[in-house]
Protein backbone atom coordinates (compact mmCIF):
# COMPACT_ATOMS: atom_id res chain seq x y z
CA MET A 1 0.71 12.17 -6.38
CA PRO A 2 1.60 15.41 -8.19
CA VAL A 3 1.69 14.07 -11.76
CA TYR A 4 -0.83 15.01 -14.41
CA HIS A 5 -2.34 12.16 -16.41
CA ARG A 6 -5.23 11.74 -18.84
CA LEU A 7 -6.97 8.92 -20.69
CA GLY A 8 -9.84 8.73 -23.16
CA LYS A 9 -11.73 11.68 -24.56
CA ILE A 10 -12.46 14.89 -22.67
CA PRO A 11 -13.81 18.31 -23.66
CA GLN A 12 -11.45 21.17 -24.38
CA LYS A 13 -12.76 23.19 -21.41
CA ARG A 14 -13.74 21.78 -18.01
CA HIS A 15 -17.29 22.19 -16.67
CA THR A 16 -18.70 22.79 -20.14
CA GLN A 17 -21.11 20.82 -22.30
CA PHE A 18 -19.68 17.52 -23.48
CA ARG A 19 -22.08 15.62 -25.69
CA LYS A 20 -22.37 12.08 -27.02
CA ALA A 21 -22.91 11.31 -30.68
CA ASP A 22 -26.67 11.25 -30.10
CA GLY A 23 -26.60 14.74 -28.60
CA ASN A 24 -27.09 13.73 -24.98
CA LEU A 25 -24.67 14.94 -22.33
CA TYR A 26 -21.89 13.01 -20.67
CA TYR A 27 -21.95 13.38 -16.88
CA GLU A 28 -18.99 15.12 -15.28
CA GLN A 29 -17.72 14.05 -11.85
CA LEU A 30 -15.04 15.74 -9.77
CA PHE A 31 -13.15 12.97 -7.97
CA GLY A 32 -11.15 14.70 -5.25
CA THR A 33 -9.92 14.57 -1.67
CA ILE A 34 -9.54 16.96 1.28
CA GLY A 35 -12.55 18.96 0.22
CA PHE A 36 -11.48 20.99 -2.79
CA ASP A 37 -7.91 21.35 -1.57
CA GLY A 38 -6.37 17.94 -2.35
CA MET A 39 -5.60 15.94 -5.47
CA SER A 40 -8.50 15.66 -7.91
CA SER A 41 -9.44 14.35 -11.33
CA LEU A 42 -12.36 15.15 -13.63
CA LEU A 43 -14.22 12.09 -14.90
CA TYR A 44 -16.80 11.92 -17.69
CA HIS A 45 -19.45 9.18 -17.37
CA ILE A 46 -21.90 7.82 -19.92
CA ASN A 47 -24.51 7.53 -17.15
CA ARG A 48 -25.06 9.33 -13.86
CA PRO A 49 -22.68 7.81 -11.28
CA THR A 50 -25.36 8.12 -8.59
CA MET A 51 -27.98 5.56 -9.61
CA VAL A 52 -28.41 3.34 -6.53
CA SER A 53 -31.34 0.90 -6.77
CA ALA A 54 -30.88 -1.09 -3.54
CA VAL A 55 -28.99 -1.02 -0.25
CA GLY A 56 -28.04 -4.17 1.66
CA THR A 57 -27.44 -4.86 5.34
CA PRO A 58 -24.19 -3.26 6.62
CA LYS A 59 -21.52 -5.59 8.01
CA ASP A 60 -19.14 -4.58 10.79
CA VAL A 61 -15.57 -5.31 9.66
CA MET A 62 -13.64 -3.48 12.37
CA PRO A 63 -10.73 -5.63 13.58
CA LYS A 64 -10.90 -7.04 17.09
CA ILE A 65 -8.11 -5.74 19.33
CA ALA A 66 -6.26 -8.25 21.50
CA VAL A 67 -3.35 -6.12 22.77
CA ASP A 68 -3.98 -2.38 22.97
CA LYS A 69 -0.85 -1.39 24.89
CA ASN A 70 2.15 -3.29 23.59
CA LEU A 71 5.79 -3.10 24.68
CA THR A 72 6.83 -6.53 23.43
CA SER A 73 8.84 -7.12 20.26
CA ARG A 74 6.90 -9.50 18.04
CA LYS A 75 7.47 -11.80 15.09
CA LEU A 76 4.39 -12.76 13.08
CA ILE A 77 4.44 -15.60 10.56
CA SER A 78 2.10 -14.10 7.97
CA TYR A 79 2.17 -17.16 5.70
CA ASN A 80 0.21 -18.89 8.47
CA VAL A 81 -2.79 -16.72 7.59
CA PRO A 82 -4.96 -19.14 5.58
CA PRO A 83 -5.82 -18.29 1.98
CA LYS A 84 -9.43 -17.59 1.05
CA ASP A 85 -11.25 -17.31 -2.24
CA ASP A 86 -12.78 -13.86 -1.83
CA PHE A 87 -10.49 -10.81 -2.00
CA LEU A 88 -12.06 -9.00 0.95
CA ASP A 89 -12.53 -12.12 3.09
CA ALA A 90 -8.84 -12.91 2.55
CA ARG A 91 -7.71 -9.58 4.00
CA VAL A 92 -6.64 -10.06 7.63
CA THR A 93 -5.81 -6.98 9.67
CA LEU A 94 -2.95 -7.52 12.12
CA MET A 95 -1.85 -4.13 13.51
CA VAL A 96 -3.87 -0.94 13.88
CA ASN A 97 -3.98 2.56 15.27
CA SER A 98 -6.15 5.56 14.45
CA ASP A 99 -4.00 6.38 11.39
CA ILE A 100 -3.36 3.03 9.73
CA HIS A 101 -4.46 -0.61 9.51
CA ILE A 102 -1.78 -3.10 8.44
CA GLY A 103 -2.45 -6.66 7.34
CA VAL A 104 -1.94 -9.43 4.83
CA ALA A 105 -4.09 -11.28 2.34
CA ALA A 106 -3.86 -14.52 0.38
CA PRO A 107 -6.78 -14.37 -2.09
CA ARG A 108 -7.24 -17.34 -4.40
CA LYS A 109 -9.76 -15.83 -6.80
CA SER A 110 -10.07 -12.60 -8.72
CA LEU A 111 -12.31 -9.83 -7.47
CA ASN A 112 -14.75 -9.75 -10.37
CA SER A 113 -18.18 -10.65 -8.94
CA TYR A 114 -18.56 -7.20 -7.38
CA PHE A 115 -16.83 -3.80 -7.29
CA TYR A 116 -14.99 -2.44 -4.26
CA LYS A 117 -14.45 1.05 -2.88
CA ASN A 118 -12.64 2.01 0.31
CA ALA A 119 -14.25 5.31 1.31
CA ASP A 120 -12.26 5.43 4.57
CA ALA A 121 -8.65 5.12 3.47
CA ASP A 122 -6.01 5.25 0.79
CA GLU A 123 -4.74 1.72 0.20
CA MET A 124 -1.23 0.43 -0.34
CA LEU A 125 -1.07 -3.11 -1.69
CA PHE A 126 2.40 -4.66 -1.87
CA ILE A 127 2.55 -7.76 -4.06
CA GLN A 128 4.58 -10.45 -2.33
CA LYS A 129 3.43 -13.28 -4.61
CA GLY A 130 1.38 -13.38 -7.76
CA GLY A 131 0.51 -10.98 -10.53
CA GLY A 132 -2.46 -9.65 -12.42
CA ILE A 133 -4.32 -6.49 -13.35
CA LEU A 134 -5.79 -3.80 -11.14
CA ARG A 135 -8.93 -2.61 -12.94
CA SER A 136 -10.46 0.72 -12.01
CA LEU A 137 -12.91 3.22 -13.45
CA VAL A 138 -9.91 5.31 -14.61
CA GLY A 139 -7.92 2.53 -16.30
CA ASN A 140 -5.95 -0.66 -15.78
CA ILE A 141 -2.58 -1.27 -14.11
CA PRO A 142 -0.67 -4.55 -14.58
CA PHE A 143 1.19 -5.73 -11.49
CA GLU A 144 3.68 -8.41 -10.47
CA PHE A 145 5.94 -9.47 -7.62
CA GLY A 146 7.50 -6.47 -5.91
CA ASP A 147 4.97 -3.89 -7.01
CA TYR A 148 3.39 -1.31 -4.75
CA LEU A 149 -0.14 -0.35 -5.77
CA ILE A 150 -1.31 2.99 -4.36
CA ILE A 151 -5.10 3.31 -4.56
CA PRO A 152 -6.66 6.64 -3.46
CA ARG A 153 -9.70 6.50 -1.19
CA GLY A 154 -13.00 6.37 -3.05
CA MET A 155 -11.52 4.64 -6.10
CA ILE A 156 -13.79 1.90 -7.48
CA TYR A 157 -11.78 -1.14 -8.50
CA GLN A 158 -11.59 -4.84 -9.21
CA ILE A 159 -8.55 -7.14 -9.30
CA GLU A 160 -7.79 -9.94 -11.75
CA PHE A 161 -5.19 -12.44 -10.53
CA HIS A 162 -3.27 -14.60 -12.98
CA ASP A 163 -3.17 -17.64 -10.68
CA GLN A 164 -4.42 -18.86 -7.29
CA GLU A 165 -1.29 -18.29 -5.19
CA ASN A 166 -1.28 -14.63 -4.21
CA LYS A 167 0.18 -12.95 -1.14
CA ILE A 168 -0.29 -9.27 -0.38
CA LEU A 169 0.86 -6.91 2.35
CA PHE A 170 -1.69 -4.12 2.68
CA ALA A 171 -1.97 -0.83 4.52
CA GLU A 172 -5.11 1.24 4.84
CA SER A 173 -4.15 4.85 5.52
CA PHE A 174 -6.60 7.37 6.93
CA HIS A 175 -4.34 10.10 5.57
CA PRO A 176 -3.39 10.58 1.90
CA ILE A 177 -0.31 8.65 0.79
CA TYR A 178 2.21 10.89 -0.98
CA THR A 179 5.77 10.76 -2.25
CA PRO A 180 8.13 12.24 0.39
CA LYS A 181 8.12 16.02 0.37
CA ARG A 182 11.91 16.25 0.54
CA TYR A 183 12.12 14.41 -2.81
CA ARG A 184 10.03 17.09 -4.58
CA ASN A 185 10.57 20.68 -5.71
CA TRP A 186 8.06 23.51 -5.32
CA PHE A 187 6.18 22.32 -8.40
CA GLY A 188 5.92 18.67 -7.32
CA GLN A 189 8.56 17.26 -9.65
CA LEU A 190 10.83 14.63 -8.12
CA LEU A 191 14.32 16.03 -7.59
CA GLU A 192 17.67 14.61 -8.69
CA HIS A 193 18.44 13.21 -5.23
CA SER A 194 15.18 11.20 -5.16
CA PRO A 195 15.75 7.40 -5.27
CA TYR A 196 13.19 7.15 -8.07
CA CYS A 197 11.59 9.40 -10.68
CA GLU A 198 8.28 9.84 -12.49
CA ARG A 199 9.20 7.48 -15.32
CA ASP A 200 9.26 4.65 -12.74
CA TYR A 201 5.52 5.02 -12.06
CA ILE A 202 3.13 2.46 -13.53
CA LEU A 203 0.25 4.69 -14.62
CA PRO A 204 -3.30 3.61 -15.53
CA GLN A 205 -3.69 2.61 -19.16
CA GLU A 206 -6.31 0.80 -21.29
CA LEU A 207 -9.39 2.66 -20.14
CA GLU A 208 -12.26 0.15 -20.36
CA THR A 209 -15.67 1.76 -20.88
CA PHE A 210 -18.92 -0.15 -20.37
CA ASP A 211 -22.33 1.25 -21.30
CA GLU A 212 -24.40 -1.38 -19.52
CA LYS A 213 -27.54 -1.33 -17.40
CA GLY A 214 -28.47 -3.99 -14.87
CA ALA A 215 -27.71 -4.75 -11.22
CA PHE A 216 -24.08 -4.09 -10.32
CA LYS A 217 -23.00 -4.95 -6.79
CA MET A 218 -20.61 -2.56 -5.08
CA LYS A 219 -19.10 -3.07 -1.63
CA ILE A 220 -18.08 0.16 0.08
CA LYS A 221 -16.06 0.36 3.29
CA LYS A 222 -16.96 3.38 5.42
CA GLN A 223 -16.30 3.92 9.15
CA GLY A 224 -15.26 0.30 9.60
CA VAL A 225 -18.51 -0.99 8.11
CA LEU A 226 -18.88 -2.78 4.77
CA HIS A 227 -21.95 -1.55 2.91
CA GLU A 228 -23.44 -3.30 -0.11
CA LEU A 229 -25.13 -1.16 -2.75
CA ILE A 230 -26.66 -2.09 -6.09
CA TYR A 231 -26.13 0.35 -8.95
CA GLU A 232 -28.28 0.37 -12.11
CA THR A 233 -25.35 1.09 -14.43
CA HIS A 234 -21.86 -0.32 -14.82
CA PRO A 235 -19.40 1.63 -12.59
CA PHE A 236 -16.75 1.54 -15.32
CA ASP A 237 -18.58 3.84 -17.74
CA VAL A 238 -15.95 6.60 -17.87
CA VAL A 239 -15.13 7.70 -21.43
CA GLY A 240 -12.29 10.00 -20.40
CA TRP A 241 -10.66 11.83 -17.52
CA ASP A 242 -7.73 13.98 -16.55
CA GLY A 243 -6.11 15.17 -13.34
CA TYR A 244 -3.87 14.14 -10.49
CA ASN A 245 -5.97 11.74 -8.40
CA PHE A 246 -5.69 8.15 -9.62
CA PRO A 247 -4.15 4.80 -8.67
CA TYR A 248 -0.61 3.99 -9.73
CA GLY A 249 2.03 1.33 -9.31
CA PHE A 250 5.70 1.42 -8.41
CA SER A 251 8.12 -1.52 -8.33
CA ILE A 252 10.36 -1.96 -5.32
CA HIS A 253 12.98 -3.14 -7.85
CA ASN A 254 13.09 0.41 -9.25
CA PHE A 255 14.00 1.98 -5.91
CA GLU A 256 17.64 3.12 -6.14
CA PRO A 257 19.25 2.83 -2.70
CA ILE A 258 21.19 5.73 -1.22
CA THR A 259 24.51 4.52 0.21
CA GLY A 260 27.50 6.13 1.94
CA ARG A 261 30.87 5.57 3.59
CA ILE A 262 29.20 4.73 6.90
CA HIS A 263 25.84 3.20 7.79
CA GLN A 264 22.94 5.28 6.50
CA PRO A 265 19.87 5.83 8.74
CA PRO A 266 16.42 4.40 7.86
CA PRO A 267 15.08 7.63 6.25
CA VAL A 268 17.27 6.99 3.18
CA HIS A 269 14.97 4.03 2.43
CA GLN A 270 11.79 6.11 2.54
CA THR A 271 9.43 5.51 -0.38
CA PHE A 272 6.07 7.04 0.65
CA GLU A 273 4.85 9.26 3.46
CA THR A 274 1.81 10.54 5.27
CA LYS A 275 1.66 12.89 8.23
CA ALA A 276 1.24 9.84 10.49
CA PHE A 277 3.67 7.19 9.16
CA VAL A 278 6.29 6.45 6.52
CA ILE A 279 6.80 3.48 4.20
CA CYS A 280 10.38 2.43 3.40
CA SER A 281 11.95 -0.07 0.98
CA PHE A 282 15.04 -2.07 1.87
CA CYS A 283 16.58 -3.13 -1.44
CA PRO A 284 19.72 -4.83 -2.78
CA ARG A 285 22.59 -2.37 -2.38
CA LEU A 286 26.31 -1.94 -1.84
CA TYR A 287 27.40 -1.72 1.75
CA ASP A 288 29.26 1.18 3.38
CA TYR A 289 32.77 1.74 2.04
CA HIS A 290 34.61 3.40 4.92
CA PRO A 291 37.57 1.07 5.70
CA GLN A 292 36.35 0.71 9.29
CA SER A 293 32.62 0.63 8.52
CA ILE A 294 30.13 -1.68 10.23
CA PRO A 295 27.37 -2.31 7.65
CA ALA A 296 24.88 -3.65 10.19
CA PRO A 297 22.70 -0.99 11.84
CA TYR A 298 23.57 0.31 15.28
CA ASN A 299 21.19 -0.27 18.19
CA HIS A 300 18.57 2.44 18.30
CA SER A 301 15.55 3.40 20.36
CA ASN A 302 12.18 3.93 18.73
CA ILE A 303 10.99 6.38 21.36
CA ASP A 304 8.43 8.08 19.14
CA SER A 305 7.46 5.38 16.63
CA ASP A 306 6.65 1.72 16.21
CA GLU A 307 8.56 -0.12 13.49
CA MET A 308 6.97 -2.89 11.42
CA ILE A 309 9.14 -4.74 8.90
CA TYR A 310 7.72 -7.15 6.34
CA TYR A 311 10.43 -9.42 4.94
CA VAL A 312 10.05 -10.00 1.20
CA ASP A 313 13.09 -11.89 -0.04
CA GLY A 314 16.80 -12.53 0.53
CA ASP A 315 18.73 -12.66 3.80
CA PHE A 316 17.95 -9.65 5.95
CA MET A 317 21.42 -8.72 7.17
CA SER A 318 20.57 -7.60 10.71
CA ARG A 319 18.22 -10.45 11.65
CA ASN A 320 18.50 -14.12 12.51
CA ASP A 321 15.80 -16.70 11.76
CA ILE A 322 13.85 -14.52 9.33
CA GLY A 323 12.18 -15.67 6.12
CA PRO A 324 9.86 -14.32 3.42
CA GLY A 325 6.49 -13.32 4.76
CA TYR A 326 7.68 -12.81 8.33
CA MET A 327 6.67 -9.56 10.02
CA THR A 328 8.47 -8.04 13.00
CA LEU A 329 7.17 -5.31 15.28
CA HIS A 330 9.64 -3.27 17.34
CA PRO A 331 7.54 -1.03 19.60
CA GLY A 332 8.47 2.48 20.57
CA GLY A 333 9.92 2.91 24.04
CA ILE A 334 12.59 0.20 24.00
CA PRO A 335 15.79 -0.15 21.93
CA HIS A 336 16.33 -2.75 19.27
CA GLY A 337 19.15 -3.56 16.90
CA PRO A 338 20.99 -6.33 15.09
CA HIS A 339 20.63 -9.86 16.39
CA PRO A 340 23.56 -11.61 18.11
CA GLY A 341 26.37 -12.12 15.60
CA ALA A 342 24.83 -9.90 12.90
CA TYR A 343 26.85 -6.83 13.92
CA GLU A 344 30.13 -8.73 13.76
CA ARG A 345 29.49 -10.83 10.66
CA SER A 346 28.54 -7.77 8.61
CA ILE A 347 32.12 -6.44 8.80
CA GLY A 348 33.90 -6.96 5.49
CA LYS A 349 30.72 -7.72 3.55
CA THR A 350 30.29 -5.65 0.40
CA ASN A 351 26.61 -5.96 -0.50
CA THR A 352 23.18 -7.33 0.41
CA ASN A 353 20.35 -8.77 -1.67
CA GLU A 354 17.64 -8.22 0.95
CA LEU A 355 14.15 -7.01 0.11
CA ALA A 356 11.80 -5.72 2.81
CA VAL A 357 9.05 -3.18 3.41
CA MET A 358 9.12 -1.12 6.59
CA ILE A 359 6.28 0.96 8.03
CA ASP A 360 7.15 3.32 10.89
CA THR A 361 4.12 4.78 12.65
CA PHE A 362 4.14 7.81 14.92
CA LYS A 363 1.41 6.36 17.15
CA PRO A 364 1.65 2.95 18.89
CA LEU A 365 0.29 -0.04 17.02
CA MET A 366 -2.26 -2.32 18.64
CA LEU A 367 -2.36 -6.02 17.81
CA THR A 368 -5.52 -7.74 16.65
CA GLU A 369 -6.78 -11.16 17.65
CA GLU A 370 -5.60 -12.45 14.27
CA ALA A 371 -2.08 -11.15 14.93
CA VAL A 372 -1.85 -13.00 18.23
CA LYS A 373 -2.69 -16.25 16.44
CA ILE A 374 0.43 -16.03 14.25
CA ASP A 375 2.82 -14.53 16.83
CA ASP A 376 5.77 -16.87 17.48
CA GLY A 377 5.67 -15.80 21.15
CA LYS A 378 9.42 -15.75 21.72
CA TYR A 379 10.86 -13.12 19.40
CA TYR A 380 11.46 -10.71 22.27
CA LYS A 381 14.11 -13.13 23.59
CA SER A 382 15.98 -13.30 20.29
CA TRP A 383 18.67 -10.79 21.34
CA LEU A 384 19.91 -13.02 24.15
CA ASP A 385 23.21 -14.84 23.72
CA HIS A 386 21.61 -18.03 25.03
CA ASP A 387 18.38 -19.97 24.50
């Protein structure tokens, strides 16, 4: 994310001596991606961030594939995924390819007994239910219903939930998650035609610094394996930092829809992008205002992408029998469009209050064993005019 941010105390010049009150040095860490070519931040630690005292037994957490070549439209009832206490145990991966893993989670308890780092992927957490605080070594971010949390790979974090009923849509991206390039100028600033601007970001604040020694458990995901390491010092010992690489939040309620006289194509809903998929937000908006407009989308073929839609709230105008927490998958290679009656009943309507998150991938999505368990098994027939 091309926005500069800083918290805490830092030296005037980078890569120079920065000393504590007792004369000892703080330890500088460059936290960056894509070698030395991507986003980075400079962090200053009280202790060396490398002090591993023990390594546990790795655990394979790669999802089990049930359908690797799919050409069937699917409807998954994600609320049927049972809640679990532990944050990582609660995460259930449903759809995958080599670029992205998509799933849901219903954690009941805060992640505070260990620290977590995803060394494989940037993470997008969309908050469907619940609220709390994302705690990281570079500061805290409060979150609530409708918030996206974008967490860069390698970021150490914990999560505090305010209650036990939490529902999250997550995506693990093996490519950096950025704001769409067409929304930005040469310098990275969001342009006037962007549906949101920098002041809508929820940036890290309240940098918590702990100078503690002991045994601090950290779980690190790398190459589909969960490793458990014990560090001798508290991971949140950063006294200050600055740069461009850090987690941030963005509320779907602050996305300003782009509308027109006739039906606008899905790219107008785009919120984030990678080189392998896009994330879009369907939000409350006025419908098309051409006197002969048909607000419902036209039938279209996803020849080059799979389309996953997660339904958040409201009545999704182009679908029948859809509720919050449902997920549909429209695979590339066959057309899809509005359900029977949706095309016609949209005529004359002036607005919608729907909320949904869409992820379009440029490679086919495979379904996991967990996805098959919550598949309604008949969604592909839902465009018929008869039962």
